[in-house]
Amino acid sequence: MNSDPLAEKLFEMKLIGIYEKYPWMHDEISMQDFIRLFPVIYKQGKPMELNKPAFELDKAVFLEVLVAFKQSFG
């Protein structure tokens, strides 16, 4: 399993930015739990696409997470 610590940290920072952007989320879930919703899993050295978490998440927020993932791991 080859990981990219820089890309992972960048993705985490983008997730924090998304979390901070939506104050309503603070009442629903903690920042650490929000970050844990999107684990980066590697298969043959490449990060796997993210799946929508079981947590009820707005489509627009999930789209932002997907964009952040693509920007981080391009």
PDB file of N, CA and C in Angstrom:
ATOM      1  N   MET A   1       0.849  -1.172   0.000  1.00  0.00           N
ATOM      2  CA  MET A   1       0.000   0.000   0.000  1.00  0.00           C
ATOM      3  C   MET A   1       0.895   1.235   0.000  1.00  0.00           C
ATOM      4  N   ASN A   2       0.921   1.953  -1.098  1.00  0.00           N
ATOM      5  CA  ASN A   2       1.667   3.199  -1.184  1.00  0.00           C
ATOM      6  C   ASN A   2       0.729   4.341  -0.843  1.00  0.00           C
ATOM      7  N   SER A   3       1.120   5.127   0.133  1.00  0.00           N
ATOM      8  CA  SER A   3       0.289   6.270   0.485  1.00  0.00           C
ATOM      9  C   SER A   3       1.043   7.549   0.142  1.00  0.00           C
ATOM     10  N   ASP A   4       0.288   8.613   0.023  1.00  0.00           N
ATOM     11  CA  ASP A   4       0.849   9.922  -0.278  1.00  0.00           C
ATOM     12  C   ASP A   4       0.501  10.842   0.883  1.00  0.00           C
ATOM     13  N   PRO A   5       1.394  10.958   1.882  1.00  0.00           N
ATOM     14  CA  PRO A   5       1.076  11.743   3.081  1.00  0.00           C
ATOM     15  C   PRO A   5       0.766  13.212   2.774  1.00  0.00           C
ATOM     16  N   LEU A   6       1.425  13.785   1.775  1.00  0.00           N
ATOM     17  CA  LEU A   6       1.161  15.182   1.432  1.00  0.00           C
ATOM     18  C   LEU A   6      -0.246  15.347   0.878  1.00  0.00           C
ATOM     19  N   ALA A   7      -0.647  14.474  -0.032  1.00  0.00           N
ATOM     20  CA  ALA A   7      -1.989  14.543  -0.607  1.00  0.00           C
ATOM     21  C   ALA A   7      -3.050  14.257   0.454  1.00  0.00           C
ATOM     22  N   GLU A   8      -2.759  13.329   1.355  1.00  0.00           N
ATOM     23  CA  GLU A   8      -3.711  13.024   2.426  1.00  0.00           C
ATOM     24  C   GLU A   8      -3.910  14.227   3.336  1.00  0.00           C
ATOM     25  N   LYS A   9      -2.824  14.905   3.674  1.00  0.00           N
ATOM     26  CA  LYS A   9      -2.916  16.096   4.532  1.00  0.00           C
ATOM     27  C   LYS A   9      -3.659  17.220   3.814  1.00  0.00           C
ATOM     28  N   LEU A  10      -3.399  17.390   2.527  1.00  0.00           N
ATOM     29  CA  LEU A  10      -4.104  18.401   1.741  1.00  0.00           C
ATOM     30  C   LEU A  10      -5.603  18.102   1.726  1.00  0.00           C
ATOM     31  N   PHE A  11      -5.961  16.840   1.520  1.00  0.00           N
ATOM     32  CA  PHE A  11      -7.364  16.438   1.518  1.00  0.00           C
ATOM     33  C   PHE A  11      -7.997  16.709   2.880  1.00  0.00           C
ATOM     34  N   GLU A  12      -7.282  16.400   3.954  1.00  0.00           N
ATOM     35  CA  GLU A  12      -7.797  16.665   5.301  1.00  0.00           C
ATOM     36  C   GLU A  12      -8.030  18.160   5.514  1.00  0.00           C
ATOM     37  N   MET A  13      -7.107  18.980   5.046  1.00  0.00           N
ATOM     38  CA  MET A  13      -7.262  20.431   5.191  1.00  0.00           C
ATOM     39  C   MET A  13      -8.473  20.919   4.400  1.00  0.00           C
ATOM     40  N   LYS A  14      -8.692  20.362   3.230  1.00  0.00           N
ATOM     41  CA  LYS A  14      -9.863  20.739   2.428  1.00  0.00           C
ATOM     42  C   LYS A  14     -11.146  20.288   3.118  1.00  0.00           C
ATOM     43  N   LEU A  15     -11.134  19.114   3.752  1.00  0.00           N
ATOM     44  CA  LEU A  15     -12.307  18.653   4.496  1.00  0.00           C
ATOM     45  C   LEU A  15     -12.609  19.582   5.668  1.00  0.00           C
ATOM     46  N   ILE A  16     -11.575  20.041   6.343  1.00  0.00           N
ATOM     47  CA  ILE A  16     -11.763  20.984   7.450  1.00  0.00           C
ATOM     48  C   ILE A  16     -12.387  22.274   6.927  1.00  0.00           C
ATOM     49  N   GLY A  17     -11.921  22.746   5.775  1.00  0.00           N
ATOM     50  CA  GLY A  17     -12.492  23.946   5.170  1.00  0.00           C
ATOM     51  C   GLY A  17     -13.961  23.773   4.825  1.00  0.00           C
ATOM     52  N   ILE A  18     -14.319  22.607   4.310  1.00  0.00           N
ATOM     53  CA  ILE A  18     -15.725  22.324   3.986  1.00  0.00           C
ATOM     54  C   ILE A  18     -16.543  22.288   5.264  1.00  0.00           C
ATOM     55  N   TYR A  19     -16.026  21.636   6.292  1.00  0.00           N
ATOM     56  CA  TYR A  19     -16.728  21.536   7.576  1.00  0.00           C
ATOM     57  C   TYR A  19     -16.977  22.928   8.163  1.00  0.00           C
ATOM     58  N   GLU A  20     -15.963  23.775   8.127  1.00  0.00           N
ATOM     59  CA  GLU A  20     -16.085  25.129   8.683  1.00  0.00           C
ATOM     60  C   GLU A  20     -17.045  26.002   7.875  1.00  0.00           C
ATOM     61  N   LYS A  21     -17.220  25.686   6.617  1.00  0.00           N
ATOM     62  CA  LYS A  21     -18.084  26.475   5.728  1.00  0.00           C
ATOM     63  C   LYS A  21     -19.566  26.332   6.088  1.00  0.00           C
ATOM     64  N   TYR A  22     -19.935  25.217   6.701  1.00  0.00           N
ATOM     65  CA  TYR A  22     -21.337  24.922   7.002  1.00  0.00           C
ATOM     66  C   TYR A  22     -21.554  24.841   8.514  1.00  0.00           C
ATOM     67  N   PRO A  23     -21.986  25.937   9.136  1.00  0.00           N
ATOM     68  CA  PRO A  23     -22.174  25.939  10.596  1.00  0.00           C
ATOM     69  C   PRO A  23     -23.205  24.918  11.090  1.00  0.00           C
ATOM     70  N   TRP A  24     -24.184  24.583  10.255  1.00  0.00           N
ATOM     71  CA  TRP A  24     -25.191  23.613  10.683  1.00  0.00           C
ATOM     72  C   TRP A  24     -24.573  22.245  10.939  1.00  0.00           C
ATOM     73  N   MET A  25     -23.456  21.975  10.286  1.00  0.00           N
ATOM     74  CA  MET A  25     -22.806  20.681  10.439  1.00  0.00           C
ATOM     75  C   MET A  25     -22.219  20.509  11.842  1.00  0.00           C
ATOM     76  N   HIS A  26     -21.870  21.615  12.485  1.00  0.00           N
ATOM     77  CA  HIS A  26     -21.266  21.571  13.813  1.00  0.00           C
ATOM     78  C   HIS A  26     -22.232  20.953  14.828  1.00  0.00           C
ATOM     79  N   ASP A  27     -23.528  21.132  14.607  1.00  0.00           N
ATOM     80  CA  ASP A  27     -24.528  20.557  15.507  1.00  0.00           C
ATOM     81  C   ASP A  27     -24.763  19.076  15.221  1.00  0.00           C
ATOM     82  N   GLU A  28     -24.461  18.646  14.022  1.00  0.00           N
ATOM     83  CA  GLU A  28     -24.745  17.272  13.587  1.00  0.00           C
ATOM     84  C   GLU A  28     -23.599  16.297  13.857  1.00  0.00           C
ATOM     85  N   ILE A  29     -22.352  16.771  13.648  1.00  0.00           N
ATOM     86  CA  ILE A  29     -21.197  15.864  13.691  1.00  0.00           C
ATOM     87  C   ILE A  29     -19.951  16.664  14.058  1.00  0.00           C
ATOM     88  N   SER A  30     -19.028  16.026  14.769  1.00  0.00           N
ATOM     89  CA  SER A  30     -17.778  16.711  15.104  1.00  0.00           C
ATOM     90  C   SER A  30     -16.865  16.748  13.878  1.00  0.00           C
ATOM     91  N   MET A  31     -15.883  17.642  13.907  1.00  0.00           N
ATOM     92  CA  MET A  31     -14.975  17.772  12.778  1.00  0.00           C
ATOM     93  C   MET A  31     -14.195  16.468  12.563  1.00  0.00           C
ATOM     94  N   GLN A  32     -13.707  15.863  13.627  1.00  0.00           N
ATOM     95  CA  GLN A  32     -12.948  14.623  13.499  1.00  0.00           C
ATOM     96  C   GLN A  32     -13.795  13.497  12.917  1.00  0.00           C
ATOM     97  N   ASP A  33     -15.065  13.422  13.332  1.00  0.00           N
ATOM     98  CA  ASP A  33     -15.953  12.398  12.787  1.00  0.00           C
ATOM     99  C   ASP A  33     -16.256  12.660  11.314  1.00  0.00           C
ATOM    100  N   PHE A  34     -16.372  13.940  10.955  1.00  0.00           N
ATOM    101  CA  PHE A  34     -16.594  14.299   9.550  1.00  0.00           C
ATOM    102  C   PHE A  34     -15.408  13.844   8.697  1.00  0.00           C
ATOM    103  N   ILE A  35     -14.212  14.082   9.180  1.00  0.00           N
ATOM    104  CA  ILE A  35     -13.008  13.677   8.454  1.00  0.00           C
ATOM    105  C   ILE A  35     -12.947  12.156   8.339  1.00  0.00           C
ATOM    106  N   ARG A  36     -13.342  11.456   9.409  1.00  0.00           N
ATOM    107  CA  ARG A  36     -13.313   9.986   9.401  1.00  0.00           C
ATOM    108  C   ARG A  36     -14.333   9.381   8.437  1.00  0.00           C
ATOM    109  N   LEU A  37     -15.320  10.166   8.015  1.00  0.00           N
ATOM    110  CA  LEU A  37     -16.307   9.666   7.057  1.00  0.00           C
ATOM    111  C   LEU A  37     -15.682   9.359   5.693  1.00  0.00           C
ATOM    112  N   PHE A  38     -14.518   9.947   5.433  1.00  0.00           N
ATOM    113  CA  PHE A  38     -13.908   9.836   4.109  1.00  0.00           C
ATOM    114  C   PHE A  38     -12.486   9.278   4.203  1.00  0.00           C
ATOM    115  N   PRO A  39     -12.368   8.008   4.558  1.00  0.00           N
ATOM    116  CA  PRO A  39     -11.024   7.419   4.623  1.00  0.00           C
ATOM    117  C   PRO A  39     -10.463   7.226   3.217  1.00  0.00           C
ATOM    118  N   VAL A  40      -9.173   7.423   3.094  1.00  0.00           N
ATOM    119  CA  VAL A  40      -8.512   7.224   1.808  1.00  0.00           C
ATOM    120  C   VAL A  40      -7.982   5.793   1.790  1.00  0.00           C
ATOM    121  N   ILE A  41      -8.496   5.007   0.861  1.00  0.00           N
ATOM    122  CA  ILE A  41      -8.109   3.608   0.731  1.00  0.00           C
ATOM    123  C   ILE A  41      -7.343   3.452  -0.582  1.00  0.00           C
ATOM    124  N   TYR A  42      -6.212   2.782  -0.487  1.00  0.00           N
ATOM    125  CA  TYR A  42      -5.363   2.591  -1.668  1.00  0.00           C
ATOM    126  C   TYR A  42      -5.507   1.172  -2.201  1.00  0.00           C
ATOM    127  N   LYS A  43      -5.530   1.077  -3.510  1.00  0.00           N
ATOM    128  CA  LYS A  43      -5.543  -0.221  -4.168  1.00  0.00           C
ATOM    129  C   LYS A  43      -4.495  -0.157  -5.273  1.00  0.00           C
ATOM    130  N   GLN A  44      -3.530  -1.018  -5.197  1.00  0.00           N
ATOM    131  CA  GLN A  44      -2.414  -1.048  -6.131  1.00  0.00           C
ATOM    132  C   GLN A  44      -1.722   0.310  -6.229  1.00  0.00           C
ATOM    133  N   GLY A  45      -1.581   0.958  -5.089  1.00  0.00           N
ATOM    134  CA  GLY A  45      -0.863   2.223  -5.015  1.00  0.00           C
ATOM    135  C   GLY A  45      -1.639   3.458  -5.409  1.00  0.00           C
ATOM    136  N   LYS A  46      -2.908   3.289  -5.789  1.00  0.00           N
ATOM    137  CA  LYS A  46      -3.726   4.433  -6.190  1.00  0.00           C
ATOM    138  C   LYS A  46      -4.918   4.579  -5.242  1.00  0.00           C
ATOM    139  N   PRO A  47      -5.293   5.821  -4.915  1.00  0.00           N
ATOM    140  CA  PRO A  47      -6.442   6.006  -4.029  1.00  0.00           C
ATOM    141  C   PRO A  47      -7.742   5.614  -4.729  1.00  0.00           C
ATOM    142  N   MET A  48      -8.579   4.915  -4.008  1.00  0.00           N
ATOM    143  CA  MET A  48      -9.881   4.489  -4.537  1.00  0.00           C
ATOM    144  C   MET A  48     -10.862   5.655  -4.458  1.00  0.00           C
ATOM    145  N   GLU A  49     -11.820   5.673  -5.378  1.00  0.00           N
ATOM    146  CA  GLU A  49     -12.866   6.695  -5.358  1.00  0.00           C
ATOM    147  C   GLU A  49     -13.653   6.626  -4.052  1.00  0.00           C
ATOM    148  N   LEU A  50     -14.123   7.764  -3.606  1.00  0.00           N
ATOM    149  CA  LEU A  50     -14.895   7.824  -2.364  1.00  0.00           C
ATOM    150  C   LEU A  50     -16.332   7.378  -2.594  1.00  0.00           C
ATOM    151  N   ASN A  51     -16.882   6.709  -1.606  1.00  0.00           N
ATOM    152  CA  ASN A  51     -18.295   6.358  -1.615  1.00  0.00           C
ATOM    153  C   ASN A  51     -19.041   7.312  -0.698  1.00  0.00           C
ATOM    154  N   LYS A  52     -20.307   7.526  -0.992  1.00  0.00           N
ATOM    155  CA  LYS A  52     -21.105   8.388  -0.135  1.00  0.00           C
ATOM    156  C   LYS A  52     -21.261   7.703   1.220  1.00  0.00           C
ATOM    157  N   PRO A  53     -20.974   8.433   2.306  1.00  0.00           N
ATOM    158  CA  PRO A  53     -21.042   7.810   3.632  1.00  0.00           C
ATOM    159  C   PRO A  53     -22.483   7.538   4.064  1.00  0.00           C
ATOM    160  N   ALA A  54     -22.631   6.701   5.070  1.00  0.00           N
ATOM    161  CA  ALA A  54     -23.952   6.373   5.606  1.00  0.00           C
ATOM    162  C   ALA A  54     -24.578   7.584   6.299  1.00  0.00           C
ATOM    163  N   PHE A  55     -23.736   8.510   6.761  1.00  0.00           N
ATOM    164  CA  PHE A  55     -24.218   9.729   7.400  1.00  0.00           C
ATOM    165  C   PHE A  55     -25.011  10.541   6.391  1.00  0.00           C
ATOM    166  N   GLU A  56     -26.166  11.052   6.791  1.00  0.00           N
ATOM    167  CA  GLU A  56     -27.023  11.860   5.912  1.00  0.00           C
ATOM    168  C   GLU A  56     -26.291  13.163   5.583  1.00  0.00           C
ATOM    169  N   LEU A  57     -25.803  13.251   4.365  1.00  0.00           N
ATOM    170  CA  LEU A  57     -25.001  14.391   3.936  1.00  0.00           C
ATOM    171  C   LEU A  57     -25.649  15.036   2.721  1.00  0.00           C
ATOM    172  N   ASP A  58     -25.709  16.353   2.734  1.00  0.00           N
ATOM    173  CA  ASP A  58     -26.276  17.105   1.627  1.00  0.00           C
ATOM    174  C   ASP A  58     -25.493  16.796   0.342  1.00  0.00           C
ATOM    175  N   LYS A  59     -26.190  16.717  -0.789  1.00  0.00           N
ATOM    176  CA  LYS A  59     -25.534  16.391  -2.060  1.00  0.00           C
ATOM    177  C   LYS A  59     -24.475  17.421  -2.431  1.00  0.00           C
ATOM    178  N   ALA A  60     -24.762  18.686  -2.173  1.00  0.00           N
ATOM    179  CA  ALA A  60     -23.808  19.742  -2.510  1.00  0.00           C
ATOM    180  C   ALA A  60     -22.529  19.604  -1.683  1.00  0.00           C
ATOM    181  N   VAL A  61     -22.674  19.232  -0.421  1.00  0.00           N
ATOM    182  CA  VAL A  61     -21.507  19.044   0.445  1.00  0.00           C
ATOM    183  C   VAL A  61     -20.690  17.852  -0.049  1.00  0.00           C
ATOM    184  N   PHE A  62     -21.376  16.762  -0.393  1.00  0.00           N
ATOM    185  CA  PHE A  62     -20.653  15.583  -0.884  1.00  0.00           C
ATOM    186  C   PHE A  62     -19.942  15.897  -2.200  1.00  0.00           C
ATOM    187  N   LEU A  63     -20.558  16.698  -3.036  1.00  0.00           N
ATOM    188  CA  LEU A  63     -19.910  17.100  -4.284  1.00  0.00           C
ATOM    189  C   LEU A  63     -18.635  17.895  -3.996  1.00  0.00           C
ATOM    190  N   GLU A  64     -18.682  18.780  -3.004  1.00  0.00           N
ATOM    191  CA  GLU A  64     -17.487  19.533  -2.611  1.00  0.00           C
ATOM    192  C   GLU A  64     -16.386  18.592  -2.122  1.00  0.00           C
ATOM    193  N   VAL A  65     -16.789  17.552  -1.387  1.00  0.00           N
ATOM    194  CA  VAL A  65     -15.814  16.573  -0.898  1.00  0.00           C
ATOM    195  C   VAL A  65     -15.173  15.842  -2.073  1.00  0.00           C
ATOM    196  N   LEU A  66     -15.979  15.465  -3.055  1.00  0.00           N
ATOM    197  CA  LEU A  66     -15.440  14.777  -4.235  1.00  0.00           C
ATOM    198  C   LEU A  66     -14.459  15.671  -4.993  1.00  0.00           C
ATOM    199  N   VAL A  67     -14.794  16.948  -5.137  1.00  0.00           N
ATOM    200  CA  VAL A  67     -13.906  17.895  -5.817  1.00  0.00           C
ATOM    201  C   VAL A  67     -12.602  18.034  -5.030  1.00  0.00           C
ATOM    202  N   ALA A  68     -12.715  18.129  -3.703  1.00  0.00           N
ATOM    203  CA  ALA A  68     -11.523  18.235  -2.857  1.00  0.00           C
ATOM    204  C   ALA A  68     -10.656  16.986  -3.005  1.00  0.00           C
ATOM    205  N   PHE A  69     -11.280  15.824  -3.101  1.00  0.00           N
ATOM    206  CA  PHE A  69     -10.546  14.569  -3.289  1.00  0.00           C
ATOM    207  C   PHE A  69      -9.783  14.595  -4.611  1.00  0.00           C
ATOM    208  N   LYS A  70     -10.472  14.984  -5.680  1.00  0.00           N
ATOM    209  CA  LYS A  70      -9.832  15.030  -7.006  1.00  0.00           C
ATOM    210  C   LYS A  70      -8.679  16.037  -7.026  1.00  0.00           C
ATOM    211  N   GLN A  71      -8.882  17.190  -6.379  1.00  0.00           N
ATOM    212  CA  GLN A  71      -7.828  18.199  -6.339  1.00  0.00           C
ATOM    213  C   GLN A  71      -6.628  17.728  -5.540  1.00  0.00           C
ATOM    214  N   SER A  72      -6.873  16.954  -4.511  1.00  0.00           N
ATOM    215  CA  SER A  72      -5.792  16.488  -3.655  1.00  0.00           C
ATOM    216  C   SER A  72      -5.020  15.333  -4.266  1.00  0.00           C
ATOM    217  N   PHE A  73      -5.736  14.415  -4.905  1.00  0.00           N
ATOM    218  CA  PHE A  73      -5.093  13.206  -5.408  1.00  0.00           C
ATOM    219  C   PHE A  73      -4.984  13.176  -6.934  1.00  0.00           C
ATOM    220  N   GLY A  74      -5.599  14.179  -7.603  1.00  0.00           N
ATOM    221  CA  GLY A  74      -5.554  14.364  -9.040  1.00  0.00           C
ATOM    222  C   GLY A  74      -5.093  13.228  -9.782  1.00  0.00           C
TER     223      GLY A  74
END
